[in-house]
Protein backbone atom coordinates (compact mmCIF):
# COMPACT_ATOMS: atom_id res chain seq x y z
CA UNK A 1 115.52 96.37 115.32
CA UNK A 2 117.52 97.60 112.36
CA UNK A 3 119.57 94.76 110.94
CA UNK A 4 122.92 95.17 109.18
CA UNK A 5 121.30 94.36 105.84
CA UNK A 6 118.71 97.11 106.27
CA UNK A 7 121.12 99.91 105.38
CA UNK A 8 121.52 98.49 101.88
CA UNK A 9 118.00 97.19 101.32
CA UNK A 10 116.10 99.40 98.85
CA UNK A 11 112.44 99.95 99.67
CA UNK A 12 110.43 97.08 98.19
CA UNK A 13 113.46 95.16 96.86
CA UNK A 14 115.48 92.23 98.12
CA UNK A 15 118.64 92.99 100.10
CA UNK A 16 121.90 93.56 98.29
CA UNK A 17 125.45 93.55 99.66
CA UNK A 18 125.77 93.79 103.46
CA UNK A 19 125.76 97.37 104.75
CA UNK A 20 128.31 99.20 106.81
CA UNK A 21 126.56 98.92 110.18
CA UNK A 22 129.24 100.59 112.24
CA UNK A 23 128.88 103.77 110.20
CA UNK A 24 125.24 104.06 111.22
CA UNK A 25 126.34 104.99 114.74
CA UNK A 26 128.42 107.80 113.28
CA UNK A 27 125.35 109.34 111.65
CA UNK A 28 123.55 109.30 115.00
CA UNK A 29 126.49 111.14 116.56
CA UNK A 30 126.66 113.45 113.57
CA UNK A 31 122.98 114.29 114.05
CA UNK A 32 123.88 115.78 117.40
CA UNK A 33 126.63 117.84 115.78
CA UNK A 34 123.94 119.86 113.98
CA UNK A 35 122.76 121.08 117.35
CA UNK A 36 126.24 122.21 118.32
CA UNK A 37 127.77 119.18 120.01
CA UNK A 38 131.33 118.25 119.08
CA UNK A 39 130.91 114.70 120.34
CA UNK A 40 127.35 113.55 120.85
CA UNK A 41 125.83 111.14 123.31
CA UNK A 42 122.49 109.41 122.92
CA UNK A 43 119.63 111.06 124.76
CA UNK A 44 117.64 108.39 126.54
CA UNK A 45 114.08 108.71 127.71
CA UNK A 46 113.45 106.62 130.82
CA UNK A 47 109.99 105.14 131.15
CA UNK A 48 108.83 103.79 134.54
CA UNK A 49 106.39 100.94 134.87
CA UNK A 50 103.36 101.83 136.94
CA UNK A 51 102.10 99.58 139.69
CA UNK A 52 99.12 97.28 138.96
CA UNK A 53 95.75 98.12 140.49
CA UNK A 54 94.54 96.63 143.75
CA UNK A 55 92.78 93.30 143.47
CA UNK A 56 89.03 93.21 142.92
CA UNK A 57 88.86 96.99 142.85
CA UNK A 58 85.95 98.48 140.96
CA UNK A 59 86.57 101.25 138.44
CA UNK A 60 84.27 103.76 136.83
CA UNK A 61 84.76 104.82 133.21
CA UNK A 62 83.99 108.45 132.42
CA UNK A 63 83.81 109.14 128.67
CA UNK A 64 83.67 112.67 127.34
CA UNK A 65 84.66 114.66 124.28
CA UNK A 66 88.07 116.24 124.72
CA UNK A 67 89.00 119.63 123.26
CA UNK A 68 90.71 119.36 119.87
CA UNK A 69 94.42 118.55 120.37
CA UNK A 70 97.17 120.32 118.47
CA UNK A 71 97.12 117.33 116.13
CA UNK A 72 95.78 113.75 116.07
CA UNK A 73 97.96 111.17 117.76
CA UNK A 74 98.98 108.11 115.79
CA UNK A 75 98.34 104.55 116.85
CA UNK A 76 101.36 102.60 118.07
CA UNK A 77 101.71 98.81 118.54
CA UNK A 78 99.63 98.05 121.60
CA UNK A 79 98.88 95.38 124.17
CA UNK A 80 96.39 95.13 127.02
CA UNK A 81 97.85 95.22 130.53
CA UNK A 82 96.50 93.57 133.67
CA UNK A 83 93.95 96.33 134.15
CA UNK A 84 92.48 95.88 130.70
CA UNK A 85 93.64 99.31 129.55
CA UNK A 86 95.51 99.69 126.29
CA UNK A 87 99.03 101.07 126.08
CA UNK A 88 102.01 100.94 123.69
CA UNK A 89 104.10 97.84 124.37
CA UNK A 90 106.66 98.46 127.10
CA UNK A 91 105.56 102.05 127.82
CA UNK A 92 103.99 103.04 131.15
CA UNK A 93 103.98 106.38 132.94
CA UNK A 94 104.81 106.65 136.67
CA UNK A 95 102.08 109.01 137.90
CA UNK A 96 99.31 108.24 135.47
CA UNK A 97 98.76 105.60 132.88
CA UNK A 98 98.40 107.15 129.48
CA UNK A 99 97.82 105.25 126.28
CA UNK A 100 96.96 106.00 122.71
CA UNK A 101 95.06 103.90 120.20
CA UNK A 102 93.66 105.61 117.13
CA UNK A 103 93.90 108.89 119.02
CA UNK A 104 91.96 107.69 122.08
CA UNK A 105 93.65 108.71 125.34
CA UNK A 106 93.10 106.70 128.53
CA UNK A 107 94.25 108.17 131.86
CA UNK A 108 94.17 106.37 135.19
CA UNK A 109 94.30 108.97 137.94
CA UNK A 110 96.86 107.20 140.14
CA UNK A 111 99.72 104.81 139.62
CA UNK A 112 98.06 102.29 141.95
CA UNK A 113 95.08 102.11 139.65
CA UNK A 114 92.58 103.67 142.04
CA UNK A 115 90.14 106.28 140.88
CA UNK A 116 88.17 106.59 137.68
CA UNK A 117 89.37 105.98 134.17
CA UNK A 118 89.05 109.09 132.03
CA UNK A 119 88.77 108.41 128.33
CA UNK A 120 89.33 111.30 125.93
CA UNK A 121 87.99 110.90 122.40
CA UNK A 122 89.70 113.61 120.35
CA UNK A 123 88.05 115.51 117.55
CA UNK A 124 90.04 114.53 114.51
CA UNK A 125 90.32 117.86 112.79
CA UNK A 126 93.36 118.10 110.57
CA UNK A 127 94.80 118.44 107.11
CA UNK A 128 95.07 115.28 105.04
CA UNK A 129 98.01 114.79 102.70
CA UNK A 130 97.83 112.93 99.40
CA UNK A 131 98.68 109.26 100.03
CA UNK A 132 102.12 108.12 98.94
CA UNK A 133 103.37 106.70 96.75
CA UNK A 134 101.36 108.07 93.86
CA UNK A 135 102.10 105.58 91.02
CA UNK A 136 102.38 108.45 88.53
CA UNK A 137 105.29 109.86 90.53
CA UNK A 138 107.40 106.70 90.88
CA UNK A 139 110.35 105.55 88.81
CA UNK A 140 111.46 101.97 89.46
CA UNK A 141 115.18 101.47 89.94
CA UNK A 142 117.62 98.93 91.35
CA UNK A 143 117.79 101.17 94.44
CA UNK A 144 114.04 101.18 95.01
CA UNK A 145 111.30 103.62 93.93
CA UNK A 146 112.63 107.06 92.99
CA UNK A 147 110.51 110.23 92.68
CA UNK A 148 109.77 111.61 89.25
CA UNK A 149 107.48 114.11 87.57
CA UNK A 150 104.24 112.71 86.18
CA UNK A 151 103.70 112.65 82.44
CA UNK A 152 101.33 115.60 82.77
CA UNK A 153 103.95 117.65 84.64
CA UNK A 154 102.66 117.09 88.20
CA UNK A 155 105.52 117.41 90.67
CA UNK A 156 106.02 115.28 93.80
CA UNK A 157 106.68 118.53 95.68
CA UNK A 158 103.20 119.75 94.80
CA UNK A 159 101.29 116.48 95.10
CA UNK A 160 102.82 115.48 98.45
CA UNK A 161 102.74 118.99 99.93
CA UNK A 162 100.67 119.97 102.92
CA UNK A 163 97.90 122.30 101.73
CA UNK A 164 98.36 125.85 102.97
CA UNK A 165 95.51 126.52 105.42
CA UNK A 166 94.81 130.02 106.67
CA UNK A 167 94.91 130.27 110.44
CA UNK A 168 91.48 131.37 111.71
CA UNK A 169 91.64 134.85 113.16
CA UNK A 170 94.75 135.85 111.21
CA UNK A 171 94.69 137.99 108.05
CA UNK A 172 95.77 136.38 104.77
CA UNK A 173 98.92 138.54 104.74
CA UNK A 174 100.03 137.57 108.26
CA UNK A 175 103.77 136.90 108.64
CA UNK A 176 104.68 133.27 108.06
CA UNK A 177 107.18 130.98 109.80
CA UNK A 178 108.18 127.55 108.49
CA UNK A 179 110.19 125.16 110.67
CA UNK A 180 112.08 122.04 109.61
CA UNK A 181 112.99 119.55 112.34
CA UNK A 182 115.72 117.25 111.03
CA UNK A 183 117.23 114.02 112.31
CA UNK A 184 113.84 112.34 112.41
CA UNK A 185 113.65 108.56 112.24
CA UNK A 186 116.93 107.78 114.00
CA UNK A 187 115.57 107.61 117.55
CA UNK A 188 112.13 106.04 117.44
CA UNK A 189 111.00 107.37 120.83
CA UNK A 190 112.10 110.94 120.08
CA UNK A 191 110.47 110.73 116.65
CA UNK A 192 107.18 109.52 118.15
CA UNK A 193 107.24 112.28 120.73
CA UNK A 194 107.84 114.92 118.05
CA UNK A 195 104.95 113.57 115.98
CA UNK A 196 102.65 113.48 119.01
CA UNK A 197 103.42 117.01 120.19
CA UNK A 198 104.28 119.23 117.23
CA UNK A 199 101.53 120.60 114.97
CA UNK A 200 101.22 119.25 111.45
CA UNK A 201 102.51 122.44 109.84
CA UNK A 202 106.01 121.65 111.17
CA UNK A 203 108.04 119.94 108.42
CA UNK A 204 110.10 116.85 109.29
CA UNK A 205 113.48 115.97 107.77
CA UNK A 206 114.09 112.22 107.91
CA UNK A 207 117.61 110.78 107.89
CA UNK A 208 118.04 107.84 105.48
CA UNK A 209 119.29 105.35 108.08
CA UNK A 210 116.54 104.86 110.66
CA UNK A 211 114.63 101.61 111.32
CA UNK A 212 111.28 101.05 109.57
CA UNK A 213 111.68 104.37 107.77
CA UNK A 214 108.65 104.08 105.50
CA UNK A 215 106.38 103.26 108.45
CA UNK A 216 107.69 106.27 110.38
CA UNK A 217 107.29 108.54 107.36
CA UNK A 218 103.77 107.26 106.74
CA UNK A 219 102.88 108.01 110.36
CA UNK A 220 104.26 111.55 110.10
CA UNK A 221 102.38 112.22 106.86
CA UNK A 222 99.17 110.81 108.34
CA UNK A 223 99.52 113.51 110.99
CA UNK A 224 99.82 116.16 108.28
CA UNK A 225 103.58 116.74 108.29
CA UNK A 226 105.43 117.43 105.09
CA UNK A 227 108.52 115.25 104.84
CA UNK A 228 112.00 115.94 103.47
CA UNK A 229 114.77 113.44 102.76
CA UNK A 230 118.04 114.50 104.39
CA UNK A 231 121.09 113.94 102.19
CA UNK A 232 124.34 113.18 104.08
CA UNK A 233 127.05 115.28 102.43
CA UNK A 234 130.78 115.62 102.88
CA UNK A 235 131.80 117.95 105.73
CA UNK A 236 135.16 119.71 105.86
CA UNK A 237 136.55 117.17 108.33
CA UNK A 238 135.56 114.04 106.42
CA UNK A 239 136.42 111.16 107.07
CA UNK A 240 137.05 112.01 110.73
CA UNK A 241 133.40 113.11 110.76
CA UNK A 242 131.59 110.54 108.61
CA UNK A 243 127.84 111.15 108.12
CA UNK A 244 127.16 107.54 107.08
CA UNK A 245 126.86 105.09 104.16
CA UNK A 246 126.53 106.60 100.68
CA UNK A 247 127.60 110.07 101.82
CA UNK A 248 127.85 112.37 98.80
CA UNK A 249 131.57 113.10 98.30
CA UNK A 250 133.36 115.72 96.21
CA UNK A 251 136.10 113.19 95.38
CA UNK A 252 133.70 110.61 93.92
CA UNK A 253 133.07 110.29 90.20
CA UNK A 254 129.84 111.66 88.77
CA UNK A 255 128.61 108.08 88.23
CA UNK A 256 129.31 107.20 91.87
CA UNK A 257 127.63 110.36 93.14
CA UNK A 258 124.53 109.62 91.07
CA UNK A 259 124.44 106.05 92.42
CA UNK A 260 124.78 107.32 95.99
CA UNK A 261 122.08 109.92 95.42
CA UNK A 262 119.70 107.31 93.99
CA UNK A 263 120.40 104.92 96.89
CA UNK A 264 119.49 107.69 99.33
CA UNK A 265 116.38 108.70 97.38
CA UNK A 266 115.18 105.08 97.35
CA UNK A 267 115.02 104.75 101.13
CA UNK A 268 111.38 105.87 101.37
CA UNK A 269 108.70 107.70 99.41
CA UNK A 270 106.35 110.62 99.98
CA UNK A 271 108.89 113.41 100.48
CA UNK A 272 108.41 116.84 98.96
CA UNK A 273 112.10 117.55 98.60
CA UNK A 274 115.68 117.09 99.72
CA UNK A 275 117.55 118.71 102.60
CA UNK A 276 121.27 119.10 103.27
CA UNK A 277 122.81 117.25 106.19
CA UNK A 278 126.29 118.45 107.21
CA UNK A 279 127.92 118.97 103.78
CA UNK A 280 129.94 122.17 104.35
CA UNK A 281 132.58 120.85 101.92
CA UNK A 282 130.13 119.45 99.38
CA UNK A 283 127.74 122.41 99.21
CA UNK A 284 130.66 124.84 98.77
CA UNK A 285 131.60 123.30 95.40
CA UNK A 286 129.33 124.35 92.55
CA UNK A 287 130.67 121.66 90.20
CA UNK A 288 129.25 118.86 92.39
CA UNK A 289 126.18 120.68 93.67
CA UNK A 290 124.81 121.83 90.31
CA UNK A 291 124.20 118.32 88.86
CA UNK A 292 122.48 117.27 92.10
CA UNK A 293 120.20 120.33 92.10
CA UNK A 294 119.50 119.87 88.39
CA UNK A 295 118.34 116.30 89.00
CA UNK A 296 116.18 117.41 91.94
CA UNK A 297 114.57 119.99 89.66
CA UNK A 298 113.96 117.46 86.87
CA UNK A 299 112.38 115.06 89.35
CA UNK A 300 109.93 117.72 90.57
CA UNK A 301 111.36 118.11 94.07
CA UNK A 302 112.02 121.15 96.24
CA UNK A 303 115.28 121.71 98.12
CA UNK A 304 116.09 122.91 101.64
CA UNK A 305 119.47 124.22 102.75
CA UNK A 306 119.62 123.74 106.53
CA UNK A 307 121.61 126.96 106.91
CA UNK A 308 124.55 125.45 108.81
CA UNK A 309 127.21 126.33 106.21
CA UNK A 310 127.88 129.97 105.23
CA UNK A 311 129.75 128.84 102.12
CA UNK A 312 126.84 126.92 100.60
CA UNK A 313 126.14 127.55 96.90
CA UNK A 314 122.59 126.18 97.02
CA UNK A 315 120.74 129.50 96.79
CA UNK A 316 122.40 130.83 93.65
CA UNK A 317 122.61 127.45 91.89
CA UNK A 318 118.96 126.59 92.53
CA UNK A 319 117.89 129.78 90.79
CA UNK A 320 120.08 128.87 87.81
CA UNK A 321 118.49 125.42 87.38
CA UNK A 322 114.91 126.50 88.16
CA UNK A 323 114.68 124.56 91.40
CA UNK A 324 112.27 125.79 94.11
CA UNK A 325 114.55 126.07 97.14
CA UNK A 326 115.06 127.94 100.38
CA UNK A 327 117.95 128.37 102.78
CA UNK A 328 117.13 128.44 106.49
CA UNK A 329 117.32 131.98 107.83
CA UNK A 330 118.05 130.78 111.38
CA UNK A 331 119.42 127.53 112.87
CA UNK A 332 117.48 127.33 116.12
CA UNK A 333 119.57 124.95 118.19
CA UNK A 334 123.18 125.44 117.13
CA UNK A 335 123.42 126.05 120.87
CA UNK A 336 121.11 123.35 122.32
CA UNK A 337 120.51 125.14 125.62
CA UNK A 338 116.76 125.89 125.93
CA UNK A 339 117.46 129.52 126.88
CA UNK A 340 119.53 129.97 123.71
CA UNK A 341 116.84 128.29 121.59
CA UNK A 342 114.17 130.65 122.96
CA UNK A 343 116.40 133.62 122.16
CA UNK A 344 116.75 132.39 118.57
CA UNK A 345 112.99 131.98 118.32
CA UNK A 346 112.53 135.60 119.39
CA UNK A 347 114.88 136.58 116.56
CA UNK A 348 112.85 134.41 114.20
CA UNK A 349 109.63 136.23 115.11
CA UNK A 350 111.27 139.63 114.56
CA UNK A 351 112.60 138.47 111.21
CA UNK A 352 109.19 137.17 110.15
CA UNK A 353 107.62 140.55 110.89
CA UNK A 354 110.21 142.34 108.79
CA UNK A 355 110.58 139.83 105.92
CA UNK A 356 107.04 138.35 105.91
CA UNK A 357 108.25 134.74 105.44
CA UNK A 358 111.12 132.97 107.20
CA UNK A 359 112.48 129.44 107.45
CA UNK A 360 114.15 127.92 110.50
CA UNK A 361 115.94 124.59 110.90
CA UNK A 362 116.33 122.54 114.07
CA UNK A 363 117.30 119.06 115.27
CA UNK A 364 115.10 116.38 116.78
CA UNK A 365 116.56 116.73 120.26
CA UNK A 366 114.16 116.35 123.21
CA UNK A 367 115.08 119.80 124.55
CA UNK A 368 114.43 121.38 121.16
CA UNK A 369 111.06 119.64 120.81
CA UNK A 370 109.93 120.84 124.23
CA UNK A 371 110.74 124.47 123.43
CA UNK A 372 109.15 124.26 119.98
CA UNK A 373 105.86 122.90 121.36
CA UNK A 374 105.35 126.01 123.51
CA UNK A 375 106.52 128.31 120.73
CA UNK A 376 104.14 126.88 118.12
CA UNK A 377 101.22 127.30 120.52
CA UNK A 378 102.10 130.96 120.99
CA UNK A 379 102.31 131.96 117.33
CA UNK A 380 98.65 132.75 116.67
CA UNK A 381 98.56 135.12 119.66
CA UNK A 382 101.61 136.84 118.16
CA UNK A 383 99.80 137.29 114.84
CA UNK A 384 102.04 134.86 112.96
CA UNK A 385 101.07 131.83 110.87
CA UNK A 386 102.93 128.52 111.09
CA UNK A 387 103.23 127.12 107.56
CA UNK A 388 104.81 124.12 105.80
CA UNK A 389 108.16 124.29 104.03
CA UNK A 390 106.72 124.20 100.49
CA UNK A 391 104.84 127.45 101.09
CA UNK A 392 108.03 129.47 101.70
CA UNK A 393 110.26 128.14 98.93
CA UNK A 394 111.02 130.53 96.11
CA UNK A 395 108.40 129.42 93.62
CA UNK A 396 106.64 127.24 96.24
CA UNK A 397 103.87 124.91 95.16
CA UNK A 398 101.68 124.34 98.23
CA UNK A 399 98.00 124.59 97.13
CA UNK A 400 95.59 126.60 99.23
CA UNK A 401 93.16 124.26 100.97
CA UNK A 402 89.44 124.84 100.52
CA UNK A 403 87.63 126.29 103.53
CA UNK A 404 86.16 123.61 105.76
C-alpha cells in the first residue's frame, strides 16, 4: 500500500519530508475529470471467490498450444490454492478459475472444480523494448534519476521507443492511429487489466502518484508499451480542482517550477516523453510553457498534449524549441458512455483515412478499456495500423524493427 512518505520519496533515494497524502485522493478524482466527470467516484472491480473442488476428486490436465494472444500477459504475485492451481493472490473468478504465471493460463471448467484443467501455453511473440534505465540516459539528482541525452546524442525518446513494426497484410503507407491511455498506475487492478488486454502498440500515460510506480512501468514496458509521464498542471479552477502534489503552477517562481518538474520526472524511468494532465491554465501561458518544453527538448524527450484544452500553446511552442510533439486530434472518452466512445472512434478512423496519421487520448476507465479492446482488434480489417506515440510525433524517432 502506498504510504504517506511515498509521494515524496524519489526513486532510489531515501525519503524526504512527509508528503501531502490527502492530495493524492484529489488526483484520483481529477483523473476521472478527464473522462468528463465533474465529481468522480472510484470504479471498483468485484472479484468473487470460487468454491473449492470436491474432496478426493480426480482431475485430468490437458496441455495444448494456444493461439497467439494480443500480447503476452505479465506475471503477478501468486500463491497456490487448495486445488494446487496457481492464481494471483486474492483473485478468483466465479465461473472459471483463471490464473496467469509467466503467461501460462489455467482454466478450471467449473467453479466447483469438476472437469478437466485446461492449460494454455501462449506463443510469446512480441516487440521487446530497450531495458530501462539505460545508464547513458540518466542524470542523478536529489529528486531521483532524471532523463538526459547521452553524450553521443542518443535521446531517451528514441532509445525507449517501441520499434515501429509493419502490420502483416497492410501496405507500408496504411493509415496510422496512435492511442494514449492516461491515468495508468493509480488503480492497480484497472492498470493490470489494461496491460493484459490492450495490444503493445497502445501507449500508456502514467500518473506520478501511484503505488510501486517503477514496477508497474516495468511491467507495461515488458509487454511492449511505450510509456509517458503525465505532468499535473494548473487548471483554470485551481485550487478548487487540485491535481496533486508538485502541480506545475503559473504563480510559482521559475526555480519552484523547475524543482516541481524535476520531482515529477524522478518518479520513475523508461518514459519516452511527457504528457499534459489537466493544465488548461498552465498550457495557455507561453511564458511558463516554453521553459518546460525547452527542457524536455534538451533532455531528449517527446511531448504529448492530451487535447483537452483548446487554448493550449504546446503545438506552436514545441516547433519553436525543436521538440518532437503531437496534440491529440480526438479525446475519446470526454463522454465516458460506451456508445459515445464508439462514435468518437468512428470519427478517429475517418480522420486517419483523410490525414494518414492521427493521435487519440483516453483515460484508464474500465468502460474505455473494454471498448478499446474491441476497436484495436478491428483495425487490421479496416486497413489501419495501430502504432506507438513516437511514430506520429512531428519529427518522431521510432526506429523500424527488422523483419522477424
